[in-house]
Amino acid sequence: MEAVIQKISSDLGINIPKLIVKELSLREGLYVNVYGNGNRIIIDTVKPNVSFNLSDMMDQISENNIHRSIDTGAPTGNEIW
């Protein structure tokens, strides 16, 4: 499929045809690496560097997914609890 290179802000870009978007399950916000190889432009998807928010994770705890406490026995060292 042909695409036209267009000016986007101070960069250049192309629209990815819908058929390719669907075939490769592409979506907005997906991280990719873009590099040249000879006369080709290669676009590979990459796993994003995800950070977690403790408050958001704590909000997901419910009676159905909380772990029970485990008895590990009496202290055997210099524990302070």
Protein backbone atom coordinates (compact mmCIF):
# COMPACT_ATOMS: atom_id res chain seq x y z
CA MET A 1 0.00 0.00 0.00
CA GLU A 2 1.19 3.47 -0.75
CA ALA A 3 1.18 6.30 1.76
CA VAL A 4 2.13 9.95 1.47
CA ILE A 5 4.71 11.49 3.79
CA GLN A 6 3.22 14.59 5.43
CA LYS A 7 4.58 17.37 7.61
CA ILE A 8 3.37 16.97 11.21
CA SER A 9 4.53 19.90 13.36
CA SER A 10 8.30 19.99 12.79
CA ASP A 11 8.46 16.26 11.92
CA LEU A 12 7.34 14.11 9.01
CA GLY A 13 4.85 11.26 9.30
CA ILE A 14 2.52 8.91 7.47
CA ASN A 15 -0.98 7.60 8.11
CA ILE A 16 -1.01 3.83 8.60
CA PRO A 17 -3.76 2.26 6.49
CA LYS A 18 -6.71 0.81 8.43
CA LEU A 19 -6.08 -2.68 7.03
CA ILE A 20 -2.57 -2.75 8.53
CA VAL A 21 -3.80 -1.23 11.82
CA LYS A 22 -6.36 -4.02 12.13
CA GLU A 23 -4.01 -6.81 10.99
CA LEU A 24 -1.32 -5.83 13.53
CA SER A 25 -3.74 -4.79 16.32
CA LEU A 26 -2.22 -1.31 16.46
CA ARG A 27 -3.78 1.32 18.72
CA GLU A 28 -3.21 4.87 19.81
CA GLY A 29 -0.59 5.12 22.57
CA LEU A 30 1.26 1.95 21.52
CA TYR A 31 5.04 2.35 21.91
CA VAL A 32 7.20 1.66 18.86
CA ASN A 33 10.84 1.82 17.78
CA VAL A 34 11.40 3.40 14.37
CA TYR A 35 14.64 2.92 12.47
CA GLY A 36 16.02 2.88 8.96
CA ASN A 37 17.55 -0.14 7.26
CA GLY A 38 18.86 0.61 3.79
CA ASN A 39 15.92 2.11 1.92
CA ARG A 40 13.36 0.71 4.39
CA ILE A 41 11.66 2.21 7.43
CA ILE A 42 11.15 -0.41 10.14
CA ILE A 43 8.58 0.04 12.91
CA ASP A 44 8.67 -2.48 15.78
CA THR A 45 6.32 -2.46 18.76
CA VAL A 46 8.01 -2.37 22.16
CA LYS A 47 6.86 -3.02 25.70
CA PRO A 48 6.35 0.35 27.41
CA ASN A 49 8.18 1.32 30.56
CA VAL A 50 5.20 1.08 32.90
CA SER A 51 5.07 2.64 36.34
CA PHE A 52 2.58 1.63 38.98
CA ASN A 53 0.63 3.83 41.35
CA LEU A 54 0.29 2.28 44.84
CA SER A 55 -3.02 4.04 45.52
CA ASP A 56 -4.55 2.70 42.29
CA MET A 57 -3.34 -0.82 43.08
CA MET A 58 -4.71 -0.66 46.64
CA ASP A 59 -8.11 0.38 45.26
CA GLN A 60 -8.24 -2.94 43.39
CA ILE A 61 -8.04 -5.07 46.56
CA SER A 62 -11.34 -6.72 47.45
CA GLU A 63 -12.63 -9.55 49.66
CA ASN A 64 -12.39 -11.82 46.59
CA ASN A 65 -8.69 -11.27 45.85
CA ILE A 66 -7.06 -10.46 49.21
CA HIS A 67 -4.54 -12.98 50.55
CA ARG A 68 -5.00 -14.54 53.96
CA SER A 69 -2.29 -14.03 56.58
CA ILE A 70 0.25 -16.80 56.96
CA ASP A 71 1.58 -17.89 60.35
CA THR A 72 5.34 -18.22 60.08
CA GLY A 73 5.84 -19.21 63.72
CA ALA A 74 7.51 -17.47 66.62
CA PRO A 75 10.37 -15.00 66.08
CA THR A 76 13.74 -16.73 65.88
CA GLY A 77 16.12 -13.77 65.64
CA ASN A 78 16.18 -10.13 66.66
CA GLU A 79 12.88 -9.14 65.04
CA ILE A 80 11.35 -6.01 66.55
CA TRP A 81 7.72 -6.95 66.06
